[in-house]
Structure formats: structure tokens, C-alpha cells
Amino acid sequence: MNTKTEPTLEKKAFGLWSAVFLGIGSMVGAGIFIVIGEAGVIAGNLVTFSFAIAAIIALFCGYSLSKLAVRYPSRGGIVEYLTHGYGEGVFSGALGVLFYFAQLVAIAAVCKSFGTYAATYFPTHDNDLLLNVFALSVLSFFVIINFIGASIVAKAENLIVIIKLLALVIFTGIALFYIQPSRLTLDNAPTSLHVFYALGLTFFAFQGFSVITNSVEDMKNPENTMLKAMTIAIALVTVLYIAVSLAVFGNLSLATILDDKDYALAEAVRPAMGEWGFKLIAITALLATASAINATLYAATQIGYTLAKEGNLPEAYEYHIFNNTEGLLISALLIVPMILLFDLSQIASIASISVLLIQGFTHTGHLFKIKETAANLPCVMAAVVGCFGAALFAISYSSQTMPHIIYYILSIFFIAFMFEVVNRLFTHRVIQKQIISRHHNTLKTLKAINSNNLKL
């Protein structure tokens, strides 16, 4: 008996800090190096308050997801929780497919950001071909890493996250000494309503926290580890985002941020450290975006695997290659055309709203199972209100530049719904829950023990 137990324990790749690093790796990257400029355009120097409010929503969501993850431990994460909240039907299946697609769009956006920063080291940095080559190269690299296995993902996250956090803390700290307090005054700030308009983007900067739940089956002692890892990861990222936003808006004018929103943090270092500081921050951006790709790709392929296993995606996702599944390869192939063919700015905005809505539906479904999870009702309700509220504000603001955004979002839901329906018709499979009730598990164990006792 002992010889069988020990190898199982050795396979648990994620301890507390490995899980924390996985969450930070997924959050930090898109948040600082992509979102902060876009959110700053909306909220100006009030973006710090938007990050703070988004962090509060993220903490409530993290609490809800942690309770769900411990109660229903599955690599599928949100996909699994949707099936328990809404049953094994088309609605939960369509939401799962939508969430999976949104994850792939997010990875494509971060790959594109990596390519943009990498291209700045070349004279023709505005060359789309060069940008796409770098974007595809980093995607290919982390596909290989993920094929090797979960323990490699954890080890890579530990190293990359430590390096980029040290760099960001040092450079942000230096930039804070050079801020001009007049830039942070409220005299020229937009109305407070813009703080809420920017919530969609600032929450999207945190949305990688859900990745931690996908590692639950590879986690040591998840009952004690999951909520701690979730809280620590979100808290650390919150401090970092607020410090970065103060450094950026204290050093740069809004006009400069509008012109250089893709390089806002790097530009904020120029007053203190000059061109070489810009280049060093660009290197940090490469590490940050690479880390986000690494962490999110791990989660997205696990979602693909679970959807296939449950009957939501084509059966090819189930086939194993090395230590992972063919779903990893298919996921990567779906990301490639997004990198090559599309302008991802509007698509990423729609994806962020979609993720907020899916989070909202997930926590609403949690309300139906709250007795099983023993979660705190007001905390779960706060997650529901926060997600749907942020989504409504984001839609309201985005409709000013994209008048048909509501139709785009409805179209995405419709496509996911039809994909689910058609796939069910052809595969004749029905989504099933991976995790059954504890009561049923207990009865099953007792029956097995009784059976063995009778044999003895």
C-alpha cells in the first residue's frame, strides 16, 4: 500500500508558492503591458482607483472559485463549475466553449504584445512580418514546454515570475521617485464615472487568477492551499498594479500615454533611466508576456481536454501526445490565425467583456450549490454583482466607439451555442460532471470496504 501512495504524492507539481506564481504569471503581463495604457485612456490618472475596485471584485471572485475548486476538483476549472451550477445541458456547455475561445483570444493578444516589444530591438520595429514571427515563435516555444508536463510549467513559472517581479519592483520604485505630483491631481481628471467605465479592462488585467483553479488536481493539500494561493496572488498583483499606475501617470502626460499606450511603463522609466531603462523594461515586458502565455496556455489546453472528455469539443482533443493532449496542439493552431490575420484590439475588448459575463454566470451558478461548497453567501453575491456590473459599464463605454458591440457579444454567444448543439448532434455525447457528490463518494468507499471485509 505504501509503495503505491508515495509516487502519487510526488506527482503533485503545485505547492502554495508554485500556485501563487502560476496565478501571478497569468495576470501580470497583459495587465501592465497591454491594459494599463488602454484603461488610462478611459480613466486618466483615476485608473489607480479602477485597479483597486477591480481588485476587490477579483478577490470576491477568487473566493468563490476557490470554494468551487475544492468542492469540485477538476482541471476543467470554470467549465466544471458551470456543469454543476446549471446541470449537464447545452447552456453550460455553450458557456464552456465560449470561455475556452476567450482564453485563446487572450493568448493571441499577449503573443502579439510579445512580438511588439521584441520588434522594438530592430530598426524596422513597425514591420508586421517581424512582429508576427516573434509572436509565433513564443507561442511555439511554450507549446513545447507544455507538452513536456505540468511540473515543467510550475518550475518555469517560479523562475520567470521571480525575475520579472524583481525587475518591475526595481524599475517602478525608481520611477516613483521621479513622479510629478501635479500629474496626479484631480484637477484635470475625468469624471468618477470613468473609473467604472475602465473596470472591464482593469478586471481583465486580473482575470488570470482563475488559472490557479485549473491546477487543483496537481496541487498539494488544495483544501488549505487554494484560497491562500488565490488571495496572495491577487493581493501581490494589486499592489504592483497600483504602484505601476502611479509611476506611469506621475511621469507621463495623458497625451504621451495616448501616443505610447503600448509602451506606457517603459516610457515612464525614461525620465529616470533614459533609453537603456526603456530597453530593460522592454526585456521585462518580454518576460512578463511570455510568462502569461505559459500560464494561460496551460489552463486553456486543460479546458480543451475537459471539454472533449465531457463531449463539448471534437474527440481529437482527447488523444495523448507525450505528457499532454492533442488538444494543446489544436489550441495552438486556433491561435495562429488570430495572430496573423486580425486586429486584436477590438477583439480583446469583446473577449474581456465575455470573460466578465462568464465569470458572472459561474458565480450565479455557485449560488445554486452554495450549501455544498459551504461558501459565504454575501461574498458570492458580491462576485456576481461585481462581474455583471463591470460588464455593463464596459459595454456602455465601448458602445461609444463600437456602436454594435452588443450585437458582437450576442453573436459570439450564438456561435458558441450553435457549436455546442451541432457537436452534440454529431457526437451523440452529453456533458458529464467529472466530480460527483461527496456523499456518493463516501457511500462508494464504504461499500468497497464492506466488500473487502466480506472477502476476508
Protein backbone atom coordinates (compact mmCIF):
# COMPACT_ATOMS: atom_id res chain seq x y z
CA MET A 1 0.00 0.00 0.00
CA ASN A 2 2.78 2.45 0.92
CA THR A 3 4.63 1.89 -2.34
CA LYS A 4 1.57 3.00 -4.28
CA THR A 5 0.93 6.09 -2.18
CA GLU A 6 4.37 7.71 -2.38
CA PRO A 7 4.60 8.09 -6.20
CA THR A 8 1.16 9.72 -6.19
CA LEU A 9 2.37 12.37 -3.74
CA GLU A 10 5.47 13.02 -5.84
CA LYS A 11 3.34 13.89 -8.87
CA LYS A 12 1.76 16.89 -7.13
CA ALA A 13 3.51 19.70 -9.01
CA PHE A 14 1.93 22.73 -7.33
CA GLY A 15 2.56 23.79 -3.75
CA LEU A 16 1.42 27.12 -2.31
CA TRP A 17 4.05 29.30 -3.97
CA SER A 18 4.03 27.38 -7.25
CA ALA A 19 0.29 28.04 -7.43
CA VAL A 20 0.83 31.70 -6.49
CA PHE A 21 3.48 32.06 -9.21
CA LEU A 22 1.16 30.41 -11.74
CA GLY A 23 -1.57 32.95 -10.95
CA ILE A 24 0.81 35.92 -10.99
CA GLY A 25 2.34 34.69 -14.21
CA SER A 26 -1.04 34.64 -15.88
CA MET A 27 -2.17 38.02 -14.50
CA VAL A 28 0.99 40.11 -14.81
CA GLY A 29 1.81 40.75 -18.42
CA ALA A 30 -1.44 41.57 -20.15
CA GLY A 31 -2.38 43.81 -17.22
CA ILE A 32 0.67 46.05 -17.04
CA PHE A 33 1.97 45.92 -20.58
CA ILE A 34 -1.31 45.91 -22.53
CA VAL A 35 -4.23 47.07 -20.38
CA ILE A 36 -2.80 49.97 -18.39
CA GLY A 37 -2.48 52.25 -21.42
CA GLU A 38 -5.96 51.41 -22.71
CA ALA A 39 -7.52 51.82 -19.26
CA GLY A 40 -5.62 55.07 -18.79
CA VAL A 41 -7.18 56.46 -21.93
CA ILE A 42 -10.59 55.97 -20.29
CA ALA A 43 -9.94 56.85 -16.65
CA GLY A 44 -6.82 59.04 -16.87
CA ASN A 45 -4.94 59.28 -13.57
CA LEU A 46 -8.02 57.86 -11.82
CA VAL A 47 -7.08 54.45 -13.24
CA THR A 48 -5.48 53.65 -9.86
CA PHE A 49 -8.96 53.65 -8.29
CA SER A 50 -10.23 51.47 -11.11
CA PHE A 51 -7.50 48.92 -10.40
CA ALA A 52 -8.38 48.99 -6.70
CA ILE A 53 -12.08 48.35 -7.34
CA ALA A 54 -11.26 45.63 -9.87
CA ALA A 55 -9.02 44.01 -7.25
CA ILE A 56 -11.90 43.89 -4.77
CA ILE A 57 -14.13 42.22 -7.37
CA ALA A 58 -11.31 39.79 -8.19
CA LEU A 59 -10.91 38.87 -4.52
CA PHE A 60 -14.62 38.03 -4.22
CA CYS A 61 -14.44 36.04 -7.46
CA GLY A 62 -11.29 34.30 -6.26
CA TYR A 63 -13.01 33.34 -3.02
CA SER A 64 -15.97 31.90 -4.93
CA LEU A 65 -13.76 29.98 -7.35
CA SER A 66 -11.59 28.63 -4.53
CA LYS A 67 -14.63 27.17 -2.80
CA LEU A 68 -15.80 25.63 -6.07
CA ALA A 69 -12.35 24.26 -6.87
CA VAL A 70 -12.01 22.48 -3.53
CA ARG A 71 -15.54 21.08 -3.74
CA TYR A 72 -15.27 20.06 -7.42
CA PRO A 73 -11.55 19.48 -8.06
CA SER A 74 -11.05 19.31 -11.81
CA ARG A 75 -8.53 20.57 -14.36
CA GLY A 76 -11.51 21.99 -16.23
CA GLY A 77 -11.92 24.78 -13.68
CA ILE A 78 -14.77 27.08 -14.64
CA VAL A 79 -16.08 24.56 -17.19
CA GLU A 80 -16.62 22.03 -14.41
CA TYR A 81 -18.29 24.59 -12.13
CA LEU A 82 -20.72 25.60 -14.88
CA THR A 83 -21.90 22.00 -15.28
CA HIS A 84 -22.55 21.71 -11.55
CA GLY A 85 -24.29 25.08 -11.35
CA TYR A 86 -26.53 24.70 -14.39
CA GLY A 87 -26.58 20.96 -14.97
CA GLU A 88 -25.30 18.84 -17.84
CA GLY A 89 -27.04 20.83 -20.56
CA VAL A 90 -26.48 22.94 -23.66
CA PHE A 91 -26.38 26.23 -21.72
CA SER A 92 -23.43 25.25 -19.51
CA GLY A 93 -21.74 23.60 -22.49
CA ALA A 94 -22.05 26.72 -24.64
CA LEU A 95 -20.65 28.89 -21.85
CA GLY A 96 -17.74 26.49 -21.51
CA VAL A 97 -16.98 26.69 -25.23
CA LEU A 98 -17.22 30.49 -25.07
CA PHE A 99 -14.81 30.64 -22.15
CA TYR A 100 -12.35 28.40 -23.97
CA PHE A 101 -12.43 30.60 -27.10
CA ALA A 102 -11.99 33.74 -24.96
CA GLN A 103 -8.88 32.20 -23.38
CA LEU A 104 -7.41 31.56 -26.83
CA VAL A 105 -8.07 35.17 -27.89
CA ALA A 106 -6.34 36.38 -24.72
CA ILE A 107 -3.29 34.23 -25.50
CA ALA A 108 -3.20 35.60 -29.06
CA ALA A 109 -3.29 39.17 -27.72
CA VAL A 110 -0.41 38.53 -25.34
CA CYS A 111 1.59 36.82 -28.10
CA LYS A 112 1.03 39.90 -30.23
CA SER A 113 2.24 42.09 -27.37
CA PHE A 114 5.37 39.96 -27.03
CA GLY A 115 6.05 40.39 -30.74
CA THR A 116 5.58 44.16 -30.47
CA TYR A 117 8.13 44.51 -27.66
CA ALA A 118 10.60 42.12 -29.31
CA ALA A 119 10.40 44.12 -32.56
CA THR A 120 11.47 47.32 -30.75
CA TYR A 121 15.04 45.99 -30.71
CA PHE A 122 15.18 46.20 -34.51
CA PRO A 123 15.31 49.32 -36.72
CA THR A 124 12.17 48.28 -38.59
CA HIS A 125 10.18 47.62 -35.42
CA ASP A 126 6.91 48.58 -37.08
CA ASN A 127 7.28 45.67 -39.51
CA ASP A 128 4.19 43.44 -39.15
CA LEU A 129 6.06 40.43 -40.52
CA LEU A 130 8.77 40.72 -37.87
CA LEU A 131 6.18 41.21 -35.14
CA ASN A 132 4.26 38.10 -36.21
CA VAL A 133 7.43 36.00 -36.44
CA PHE A 134 8.25 36.79 -32.80
CA ALA A 135 4.63 36.20 -31.74
CA LEU A 136 4.51 32.78 -33.42
CA SER A 137 7.95 31.85 -32.08
CA VAL A 138 7.00 32.45 -28.44
CA LEU A 139 3.75 30.52 -28.92
CA SER A 140 5.66 27.57 -30.40
CA PHE A 141 8.20 27.62 -27.57
CA PHE A 142 5.58 27.36 -24.83
CA VAL A 143 3.59 24.74 -26.70
CA ILE A 144 6.73 22.57 -26.48
CA ILE A 145 7.15 23.42 -22.77
CA ASN A 146 3.54 22.41 -22.08
CA PHE A 147 3.97 19.15 -23.98
CA ILE A 148 6.72 18.20 -21.52
CA GLY A 149 4.39 18.33 -18.49
CA ALA A 150 2.84 20.22 -15.57
CA SER A 151 5.93 20.11 -13.35
CA ILE A 152 7.94 21.91 -16.02
CA VAL A 153 5.24 24.59 -16.21
CA ALA A 154 5.48 25.11 -12.45
CA LYS A 155 9.28 25.30 -12.48
CA ALA A 156 9.30 27.71 -15.42
CA GLU A 157 6.75 29.96 -13.67
CA ASN A 158 8.83 30.06 -10.49
CA LEU A 159 11.90 31.33 -12.34
CA ILE A 160 10.20 33.73 -14.75
CA VAL A 161 7.88 35.30 -12.17
CA ILE A 162 10.72 35.94 -9.70
CA ILE A 163 12.83 37.62 -12.40
CA LYS A 164 10.08 39.85 -13.75
CA LEU A 165 8.74 40.82 -10.33
CA LEU A 166 12.20 41.88 -9.19
CA ALA A 167 12.67 43.92 -12.36
CA LEU A 168 9.24 45.53 -12.14
CA VAL A 169 9.63 46.38 -8.45
CA ILE A 170 13.07 47.94 -9.03
CA PHE A 171 12.13 49.95 -12.11
CA THR A 172 8.75 51.00 -10.73
CA GLY A 173 10.40 52.03 -7.47
CA ILE A 174 12.89 54.20 -9.35
CA ALA A 175 10.14 55.75 -11.48
CA LEU A 176 8.15 56.62 -8.34
CA PHE A 177 11.00 58.87 -7.16
CA TYR A 178 10.68 60.93 -10.35
CA ILE A 179 6.92 61.44 -10.42
CA GLN A 180 5.49 64.93 -10.71
CA PRO A 181 2.71 65.22 -8.09
CA SER A 182 0.89 67.75 -10.24
CA ARG A 183 0.18 65.00 -12.78
CA LEU A 184 -1.70 63.01 -10.14
CA THR A 185 -4.02 65.80 -9.02
CA LEU A 186 -7.73 65.59 -9.72
CA ASP A 187 -7.89 68.99 -11.45
CA ASN A 188 -7.68 67.53 -14.94
CA ALA A 189 -9.06 64.10 -14.10
CA PRO A 190 -12.14 62.77 -15.86
CA THR A 191 -15.40 62.23 -14.00
CA SER A 192 -15.55 59.49 -11.40
CA LEU A 193 -17.89 57.53 -13.68
CA HIS A 194 -14.88 56.80 -15.91
CA VAL A 195 -13.37 54.78 -13.06
CA PHE A 196 -16.22 52.32 -13.55
CA TYR A 197 -16.05 52.52 -17.34
CA ALA A 198 -12.46 51.26 -17.12
CA LEU A 199 -13.41 48.34 -14.85
CA GLY A 200 -13.82 45.95 -17.77
CA LEU A 201 -10.19 46.41 -18.78
CA THR A 202 -8.73 46.61 -15.27
CA PHE A 203 -10.57 43.45 -14.20
CA PHE A 204 -9.34 41.76 -17.37
CA ALA A 205 -5.83 42.51 -16.08
CA PHE A 206 -6.67 40.31 -13.07
CA GLN A 207 -8.65 37.63 -14.87
CA GLY A 208 -5.71 35.21 -14.96
CA PHE A 209 -6.34 34.35 -11.30
CA SER A 210 -8.81 31.65 -12.41
CA VAL A 211 -5.84 29.72 -13.81
CA ILE A 212 -4.96 28.66 -10.26
CA THR A 213 -8.11 26.52 -10.05
CA ASN A 214 -7.04 24.53 -13.12
CA SER A 215 -4.04 23.22 -11.17
CA VAL A 216 -6.17 21.79 -8.33
CA GLU A 217 -5.57 18.15 -9.33
CA ASP A 218 -1.81 18.84 -9.37
CA MET A 219 -1.94 20.76 -6.07
CA LYS A 220 -0.72 19.64 -2.68
CA ASN A 221 -3.43 19.86 0.01
CA PRO A 222 -5.85 22.06 -2.02
CA GLU A 223 -8.24 22.50 0.94
CA ASN A 224 -5.64 24.66 2.66
CA THR A 225 -3.67 25.84 -0.35
CA MET A 226 -6.23 27.01 -2.92
CA LEU A 227 -7.76 30.04 -1.15
CA LYS A 228 -4.39 31.10 0.27
CA ALA A 229 -2.75 30.96 -3.16
CA MET A 230 -5.65 32.86 -4.74
CA THR A 231 -5.63 35.61 -2.10
CA ILE A 232 -1.84 36.04 -2.07
CA ALA A 233 -1.61 36.17 -5.87
CA ILE A 234 -4.37 38.78 -6.24
CA ALA A 235 -3.05 40.88 -3.33
CA LEU A 236 0.51 40.97 -4.70
CA VAL A 237 -0.67 41.85 -8.19
CA THR A 238 -2.93 44.60 -6.79
CA VAL A 239 -0.01 46.30 -5.02
CA LEU A 240 2.06 46.02 -8.20
CA TYR A 241 -0.67 47.44 -10.48
CA ILE A 242 -1.35 50.40 -8.19
CA ALA A 243 2.36 51.20 -7.90
CA VAL A 244 2.81 50.94 -11.67
CA SER A 245 -0.20 53.15 -12.39
CA LEU A 246 1.15 55.82 -10.03
CA ALA A 247 4.59 55.59 -11.68
CA VAL A 248 3.16 55.83 -15.20
CA PHE A 249 0.71 58.68 -14.61
CA GLY A 250 3.09 60.53 -12.32
CA ASN A 251 5.80 60.59 -15.01
CA LEU A 252 3.85 60.93 -18.24
CA SER A 253 1.23 63.30 -19.54
CA LEU A 254 -2.03 61.86 -20.78
CA ALA A 255 -1.09 62.95 -24.32
CA THR A 256 2.10 60.86 -24.12
CA ILE A 257 0.19 57.86 -22.79
CA LEU A 258 -2.28 58.17 -25.66
CA ASP A 259 0.58 58.14 -28.16
CA ASP A 260 2.59 55.37 -26.46
CA LYS A 261 -0.05 53.34 -24.68
CA ASP A 262 1.60 50.05 -25.72
CA TYR A 263 4.86 51.11 -24.02
CA ALA A 264 3.46 53.15 -21.12
CA LEU A 265 5.58 51.58 -18.38
CA ALA A 266 8.76 51.68 -20.47
CA GLU A 267 8.15 55.34 -21.28
CA ALA A 268 7.63 56.09 -17.57
CA VAL A 269 11.19 54.95 -16.87
CA ARG A 270 12.77 57.27 -19.48
CA PRO A 271 12.88 60.38 -17.20
CA ALA A 272 14.95 58.46 -14.64
CA MET A 273 16.95 55.96 -16.68
CA GLY A 274 16.88 57.12 -20.28
CA GLU A 275 16.97 54.85 -23.34
CA TRP A 276 18.69 51.95 -21.61
CA GLY A 277 15.95 51.94 -19.00
CA PHE A 278 13.36 51.73 -21.78
CA LYS A 279 15.18 48.73 -23.24
CA LEU A 280 15.42 46.98 -19.87
CA ILE A 281 11.71 47.44 -19.27
CA ALA A 282 11.11 46.05 -22.77
CA ILE A 283 13.06 42.94 -21.74
CA THR A 284 10.91 42.69 -18.62
CA ALA A 285 7.82 43.03 -20.81
CA LEU A 286 9.05 40.10 -22.90
CA LEU A 287 9.41 38.00 -19.75
CA ALA A 288 6.02 39.11 -18.44
CA THR A 289 4.13 38.38 -21.64
CA ALA A 290 5.98 35.08 -22.10
CA SER A 291 5.05 34.08 -18.56
CA ALA A 292 1.39 34.98 -19.18
CA ILE A 293 1.39 32.85 -22.33
CA ASN A 294 2.94 29.96 -20.40
CA ALA A 295 0.40 30.07 -17.56
CA THR A 296 -2.69 30.72 -19.69
CA LEU A 297 -1.77 28.11 -22.31
CA TYR A 298 -1.58 25.51 -19.54
CA ALA A 299 -5.09 26.41 -18.40
CA ALA A 300 -6.63 26.74 -21.87
CA THR A 301 -5.44 23.32 -23.00
CA GLN A 302 -6.70 21.75 -19.79
CA ILE A 303 -10.09 23.33 -20.56
CA GLY A 304 -9.93 21.91 -24.08
CA TYR A 305 -9.13 18.48 -22.66
CA THR A 306 -12.02 18.60 -20.21
CA LEU A 307 -14.48 19.87 -22.83
CA ALA A 308 -13.51 16.98 -25.10
CA LYS A 309 -13.74 14.46 -22.30
CA GLU A 310 -17.19 15.73 -21.41
CA GLY A 311 -18.30 15.81 -25.03
CA ASN A 312 -18.10 19.52 -25.84
CA LEU A 313 -15.25 19.62 -28.34
CA PRO A 314 -14.16 17.21 -31.09
CA GLU A 315 -12.76 13.90 -29.85
CA ALA A 316 -9.28 14.70 -31.19
CA TYR A 317 -8.69 16.83 -28.09
CA GLU A 318 -8.53 13.64 -26.03
CA TYR A 319 -5.62 11.96 -27.80
CA HIS A 320 -2.41 11.99 -25.79
CA ILE A 321 0.93 13.34 -27.03
CA PHE A 322 3.82 12.86 -24.60
CA ASN A 323 2.57 14.15 -21.22
CA ASN A 324 -0.19 16.32 -22.60
CA THR A 325 -3.06 16.02 -25.07
CA GLU A 326 -3.56 16.73 -28.71
CA GLY A 327 -5.87 19.49 -27.51
CA LEU A 328 -2.74 21.56 -26.84
CA LEU A 329 -1.74 21.36 -30.49
CA ILE A 330 -5.27 22.14 -31.72
CA SER A 331 -5.50 25.10 -29.35
CA ALA A 332 -2.21 26.46 -30.69
CA LEU A 333 -3.40 26.05 -34.28
CA LEU A 334 -6.56 28.02 -33.46
CA ILE A 335 -4.43 30.85 -32.04
CA VAL A 336 -2.18 31.15 -35.12
CA PRO A 337 -4.75 32.75 -37.50
CA MET A 338 -5.75 35.24 -34.78
CA ILE A 339 -2.12 36.38 -34.59
CA LEU A 340 -1.69 36.58 -38.36
CA LEU A 341 -5.00 37.94 -39.62
CA PHE A 342 -6.77 40.05 -37.01
CA ASP A 343 -6.51 43.41 -35.30
CA LEU A 344 -6.89 42.20 -31.74
CA SER A 345 -7.65 45.49 -30.00
CA GLN A 346 -11.42 45.31 -30.50
CA ILE A 347 -11.47 41.51 -30.25
CA ALA A 348 -9.62 41.68 -26.92
CA SER A 349 -12.16 44.23 -25.66
CA ILE A 350 -15.03 41.91 -26.59
CA ALA A 351 -13.17 38.96 -25.05
CA SER A 352 -12.75 40.85 -21.77
CA ILE A 353 -16.49 41.53 -21.61
CA SER A 354 -17.20 37.90 -22.45
CA VAL A 355 -14.93 36.72 -19.64
CA LEU A 356 -16.70 39.05 -17.20
CA LEU A 357 -20.09 37.67 -18.25
CA ILE A 358 -18.85 34.07 -17.95
CA GLN A 359 -17.46 34.82 -14.50
CA GLY A 360 -20.82 36.33 -13.60
CA PHE A 361 -22.67 33.22 -14.80
CA THR A 362 -20.21 30.97 -12.95
CA HIS A 363 -20.77 32.70 -9.62
CA THR A 364 -24.53 32.82 -10.22
CA GLY A 365 -24.39 29.05 -10.72
CA HIS A 366 -22.44 28.82 -7.47
CA LEU A 367 -25.46 30.23 -5.65
CA PHE A 368 -27.37 27.06 -6.55
CA LYS A 369 -24.66 24.91 -4.94
CA ILE A 370 -23.70 27.11 -2.02
CA LYS A 371 -24.82 24.56 0.56
CA GLU A 372 -22.45 22.01 -0.94
CA THR A 373 -19.49 24.39 -1.08
CA ALA A 374 -20.23 25.98 2.34
CA ALA A 375 -19.26 29.35 0.89
CA ASN A 376 -20.22 32.71 2.37
CA LEU A 377 -23.38 33.92 0.59
CA PRO A 378 -22.63 37.69 0.66
CA CYS A 379 -19.16 37.08 -0.80
CA VAL A 380 -20.53 35.05 -3.71
CA MET A 381 -23.29 37.63 -4.27
CA ALA A 382 -20.63 40.37 -4.35
CA ALA A 383 -18.78 38.40 -7.06
CA VAL A 384 -21.97 38.15 -9.13
CA VAL A 385 -22.84 41.86 -8.83
CA GLY A 386 -19.22 42.92 -9.44
CA CYS A 387 -18.83 40.89 -12.63
CA PHE A 388 -22.14 41.80 -14.23
CA GLY A 389 -21.81 45.42 -13.12
CA ALA A 390 -18.31 45.77 -14.60
CA ALA A 391 -19.51 44.14 -17.83
CA LEU A 392 -22.41 46.59 -18.15
CA PHE A 393 -20.12 49.58 -17.61
CA ALA A 394 -17.65 48.20 -20.18
CA ILE A 395 -20.41 47.65 -22.74
CA SER A 396 -21.80 51.14 -22.10
CA TYR A 397 -18.43 52.81 -22.73
CA SER A 398 -17.35 50.56 -25.62
CA SER A 399 -20.62 51.24 -27.44
CA GLN A 400 -19.43 54.82 -27.96
CA THR A 401 -16.67 53.63 -30.30
CA MET A 402 -18.26 50.29 -31.27
CA PRO A 403 -22.00 51.00 -31.62
CA HIS A 404 -22.76 47.38 -32.47
CA ILE A 405 -20.76 45.80 -29.64
CA ILE A 406 -23.86 44.30 -28.02
CA TYR A 407 -24.59 42.51 -31.31
CA TYR A 408 -20.99 41.27 -31.48
CA ILE A 409 -21.29 39.81 -27.99
CA LEU A 410 -24.64 38.21 -28.73
CA SER A 411 -23.16 36.78 -31.93
CA ILE A 412 -20.29 35.20 -30.02
CA PHE A 413 -22.74 33.61 -27.58
CA PHE A 414 -24.83 32.38 -30.51
CA ILE A 415 -21.81 30.85 -32.27
CA ALA A 416 -20.76 29.07 -29.07
CA PHE A 417 -24.33 27.84 -28.57
CA MET A 418 -24.56 26.52 -32.15
CA PHE A 419 -21.13 24.90 -31.88
CA GLU A 420 -22.35 23.10 -28.78
CA VAL A 421 -25.64 22.00 -30.35
CA VAL A 422 -24.11 20.81 -33.63
CA ASN A 423 -21.31 18.95 -31.87
CA ARG A 424 -23.78 17.16 -29.62
CA LEU A 425 -25.85 16.12 -32.63
CA PHE A 426 -22.83 14.62 -34.40
CA THR A 427 -21.08 13.06 -31.39
CA HIS A 428 -24.23 11.97 -29.50
CA ARG A 429 -22.40 12.74 -26.30
CA VAL A 430 -23.76 14.62 -23.30
CA ILE A 431 -21.65 16.74 -20.98
CA GLN A 432 -20.96 14.93 -17.71
CA LYS A 433 -19.67 16.11 -14.39
CA GLN A 434 -16.21 14.85 -13.53
CA ILE A 435 -16.81 15.30 -9.81
CA ILE A 436 -19.80 13.65 -8.14
CA SER A 437 -21.11 14.42 -4.67
CA ARG A 438 -19.03 13.72 -1.60
CA HIS A 439 -21.93 11.74 -0.16
CA HIS A 440 -21.88 9.45 -3.18
CA ASN A 441 -18.10 9.08 -2.92
CA THR A 442 -18.37 8.23 0.77
CA LEU A 443 -21.03 5.57 0.12
CA LYS A 444 -18.93 4.10 -2.67
CA THR A 445 -15.88 3.90 -0.37
CA LEU A 446 -17.90 2.29 2.42
CA LYS A 447 -19.30 -0.29 0.03
CA ALA A 448 -15.80 -1.12 -1.17
CA ILE A 449 -14.58 -1.51 2.44
CA ASN A 450 -17.55 -3.72 3.32
CA SER A 451 -16.95 -5.83 0.24
CA ASN A 452 -13.30 -6.33 1.15
CA ASN A 453 -14.25 -7.20 4.74
CA LEU A 454 -16.70 -9.85 3.48
CA LYS A 455 -13.97 -11.35 1.30
CA LEU A 456 -11.63 -11.51 4.28
